[in-house]
Protein backbone atom coordinates (compact mmCIF):
# COMPACT_ATOMS: atom_id res chain seq x y z
CA MET A 1 0.00 0.00 0.00
CA ASN A 2 2.88 2.38 0.76
CA LEU A 3 4.27 1.74 -2.71
CA LEU A 4 0.94 2.80 -4.24
CA MET A 5 0.70 5.90 -2.04
CA ASN A 6 4.27 6.90 -2.90
CA GLU A 7 3.60 6.40 -6.58
CA LEU A 8 0.43 8.50 -6.48
CA PHE A 9 1.54 11.22 -4.11
CA GLY A 10 5.31 10.85 -3.68
CA SER A 11 6.11 13.58 -6.17
CA SER A 12 3.11 15.68 -5.25
CA LEU A 13 3.31 19.42 -5.42
CA ASP A 14 3.80 21.54 -2.35
CA ALA A 15 1.09 24.05 -1.45
CA GLN A 16 2.75 26.89 -3.36
CA GLN A 17 3.09 24.82 -6.53
CA LEU A 18 -0.46 23.57 -6.18
CA VAL A 19 -1.81 27.12 -5.96
CA ARG A 20 0.38 28.19 -8.91
CA ALA A 21 -0.91 25.29 -11.00
CA GLY A 22 -4.54 25.96 -10.04
CA VAL A 23 -4.32 29.67 -10.80
CA ARG A 24 -2.58 29.16 -14.14
CA LEU A 25 -4.96 26.45 -15.30
CA THR A 26 -7.99 28.51 -14.27
CA PHE A 27 -6.55 31.55 -16.01
CA ALA A 28 -5.90 29.48 -19.14
CA ALA A 29 -9.49 28.28 -19.13
CA LEU A 30 -10.64 31.92 -18.96
CA ILE A 31 -8.34 32.92 -21.83
CA GLY A 32 -9.69 30.08 -23.95
CA ALA A 33 -13.26 30.92 -22.94
CA SER A 34 -12.83 34.57 -23.91
CA ILE A 35 -11.79 33.78 -27.46
CA GLY A 36 -13.99 30.70 -27.75
CA LEU A 37 -17.13 32.52 -26.63
CA GLN A 38 -16.66 35.12 -29.35
CA ARG A 39 -16.32 32.33 -31.92
CA GLN A 40 -19.28 30.39 -30.50
CA LEU A 41 -21.54 33.44 -30.63
CA ASN A 42 -20.64 33.86 -34.30
CA GLY A 43 -21.49 30.25 -35.13
CA LYS A 44 -17.95 29.09 -35.87
CA ALA A 45 -17.00 25.40 -35.74
CA ALA A 46 -14.35 25.82 -33.05
CA GLY A 47 -16.08 27.55 -30.17
CA LEU A 48 -16.05 27.72 -26.41
CA ARG A 49 -15.12 24.13 -25.54
CA THR A 50 -12.48 23.77 -28.24
CA HIS A 51 -10.67 26.95 -27.25
CA MET A 52 -10.87 26.13 -23.55
CA LEU A 53 -9.43 22.65 -24.16
CA VAL A 54 -6.63 24.03 -26.35
CA ALA A 55 -5.80 26.58 -23.65
CA LEU A 56 -5.86 24.04 -20.84
CA GLY A 57 -3.82 21.48 -22.75
CA THR A 58 -1.22 23.99 -23.85
CA THR A 59 -0.86 25.44 -20.38
CA MET A 60 -0.61 21.96 -18.89
CA PHE A 61 2.29 21.04 -21.21
CA VAL A 62 4.18 24.19 -20.26
CA LEU A 63 3.24 24.15 -16.58
CA THR A 64 4.33 20.55 -16.14
CA CYS A 65 7.75 21.45 -17.53
CA VAL A 66 8.02 24.58 -15.39
CA LEU A 67 7.03 22.76 -12.19
CA ALA A 68 9.46 19.94 -12.97
CA GLY A 69 12.26 22.50 -13.22
CA MET A 70 13.01 21.83 -16.88
CA PRO A 71 15.85 23.99 -18.22
CA GLU A 72 14.96 26.82 -20.59
CA ASP A 73 16.27 25.05 -23.70
CA GLY A 74 13.98 22.08 -22.99
CA LEU A 75 11.03 24.39 -22.42
CA THR A 76 11.62 26.10 -25.76
CA ARG A 77 11.52 22.70 -27.47
CA VAL A 78 8.20 21.97 -25.78
CA MET A 79 6.88 25.33 -27.03
CA GLN A 80 8.04 24.50 -30.56
CA GLY A 81 6.23 21.17 -30.36
CA ILE A 82 3.07 22.91 -29.19
CA ALA A 83 3.20 25.41 -32.06
CA THR A 84 3.63 22.59 -34.56
CA GLY A 85 0.94 20.40 -33.03
CA ILE A 86 -1.58 23.21 -32.85
CA GLY A 87 -0.74 24.00 -36.47
CA PHE A 88 -1.91 20.51 -37.40
CA LEU A 89 -5.09 20.98 -35.38
CA GLY A 90 -5.71 24.28 -37.13
CA ALA A 91 -5.07 22.71 -40.53
CA GLY A 92 -7.97 20.38 -39.83
CA ALA A 93 -10.23 23.41 -39.49
CA ILE A 94 -9.39 24.71 -42.97
CA LEU A 95 -11.72 23.81 -45.81
CA LYS A 96 -11.24 24.58 -49.52
CA VAL A 97 -14.56 25.40 -51.11
CA GLU A 98 -15.37 24.68 -54.77
CA ARG A 99 -15.61 28.34 -55.73
CA GLU A 100 -12.37 29.90 -56.89
CA GLN A 101 -10.29 31.61 -54.19
CA GLU A 102 -12.60 30.66 -51.35
CA ILE A 103 -11.10 28.97 -48.35
CA LEU A 104 -12.95 28.67 -45.06
CA GLY A 105 -11.51 28.17 -41.62
CA LEU A 106 -8.29 30.17 -41.86
CA THR A 107 -9.40 32.55 -39.12
CA THR A 108 -10.46 29.61 -36.95
CA ALA A 109 -7.06 27.97 -37.46
CA ALA A 110 -5.33 31.23 -36.60
CA ASP A 111 -7.36 31.87 -33.45
CA ILE A 112 -6.75 28.33 -32.21
CA TRP A 113 -3.04 28.90 -32.75
CA LEU A 114 -3.22 32.27 -30.96
CA THR A 115 -5.12 30.68 -28.06
CA ALA A 116 -2.27 28.20 -27.68
CA ALA A 117 0.30 31.00 -27.77
CA ALA A 118 -1.54 32.96 -25.09
CA SER A 119 -1.73 29.79 -23.03
CA VAL A 120 2.02 29.28 -23.28
CA ALA A 121 2.35 32.75 -21.77
CA VAL A 122 0.00 31.72 -18.96
CA GLY A 123 1.95 28.51 -18.40
CA ILE A 124 5.15 30.44 -17.74
CA GLY A 125 3.36 33.06 -15.65
CA HIS A 126 3.21 35.98 -18.09
CA TYR A 127 -0.38 36.91 -17.34
CA ALA A 128 -0.23 40.49 -18.62
CA THR A 129 1.00 39.32 -22.02
CA ALA A 130 -1.76 36.71 -22.19
CA ILE A 131 -4.42 39.28 -21.26
CA ALA A 132 -3.12 41.78 -23.84
CA VAL A 133 -3.06 39.27 -26.71
CA THR A 134 -6.51 37.95 -25.75
CA ILE A 135 -8.00 41.44 -25.76
CA LEU A 136 -6.38 42.18 -29.11
CA ALA A 137 -7.61 38.87 -30.54
CA CYS A 138 -11.17 39.56 -29.43
CA LEU A 139 -11.01 43.02 -30.99
CA VAL A 140 -9.63 41.62 -34.25
CA LEU A 141 -12.29 38.90 -34.35
CA SER A 142 -15.23 41.14 -33.50
CA VAL A 143 -14.38 44.56 -34.96
CA LEU A 144 -12.34 43.78 -38.04
CA VAL A 145 -14.91 41.31 -39.35
CA ARG A 146 -17.17 44.31 -39.97
CA VAL A 147 -14.38 46.16 -41.76
CA GLU A 148 -13.74 43.08 -43.94
CA GLN A 149 -17.44 42.87 -44.79
CA ARG A 150 -17.52 46.50 -45.91
CA ILE A 151 -14.39 46.04 -48.01
CA ASN A 152 -15.83 42.92 -49.66
CA GLU A 153 -19.16 44.65 -50.35
CA ALA A 154 -17.37 47.60 -51.95
CA ARG A 155 -15.20 45.27 -54.02
CA ASP A 156 -18.23 43.28 -55.19
CA ARG A 157 -20.05 46.48 -56.23
CA HIS A 158 -17.12 47.50 -58.41
CA ARG A 159 -16.37 44.07 -59.87
CA PRO A 160 -17.58 43.64 -63.44
CA ARG A 161 -20.29 41.00 -63.70
CA ILE A 162 -19.84 38.24 -66.23
CA PRO A 163 -23.14 36.94 -67.59
């Protein structure tokens, strides 16, 4: 029984590490929720749950390394792996449509990637950076979509129609 208890709790975190982990994971969930909620409200495929899971998973990878005392060069390799892995996840969100020059899902792929990047910042304790990029992302996703729509409408009005 002692062997089992040592295996389960022998390398357990001290109170300070436990609080750090709890705060960072909660913060990551909020970062993911902020971006994911905006996407969910706009009917996008990757919404609240997807972004929260990406944020939690990314932060967990980084946080585990930080709490284990991994050297900086090892942590940078983990971050590179995350960026690559999330790139593959984002690639799955991209869809080429039959009409010429129409590709859907690029913004979704980009915001999933950005959510992971913000979550890396949370994992290493850079909360202000994570907050700033999340606010900017939400502004880009909510405000600039209207600007894009106006640009596209103006372009379509001036495009010659082919019968």
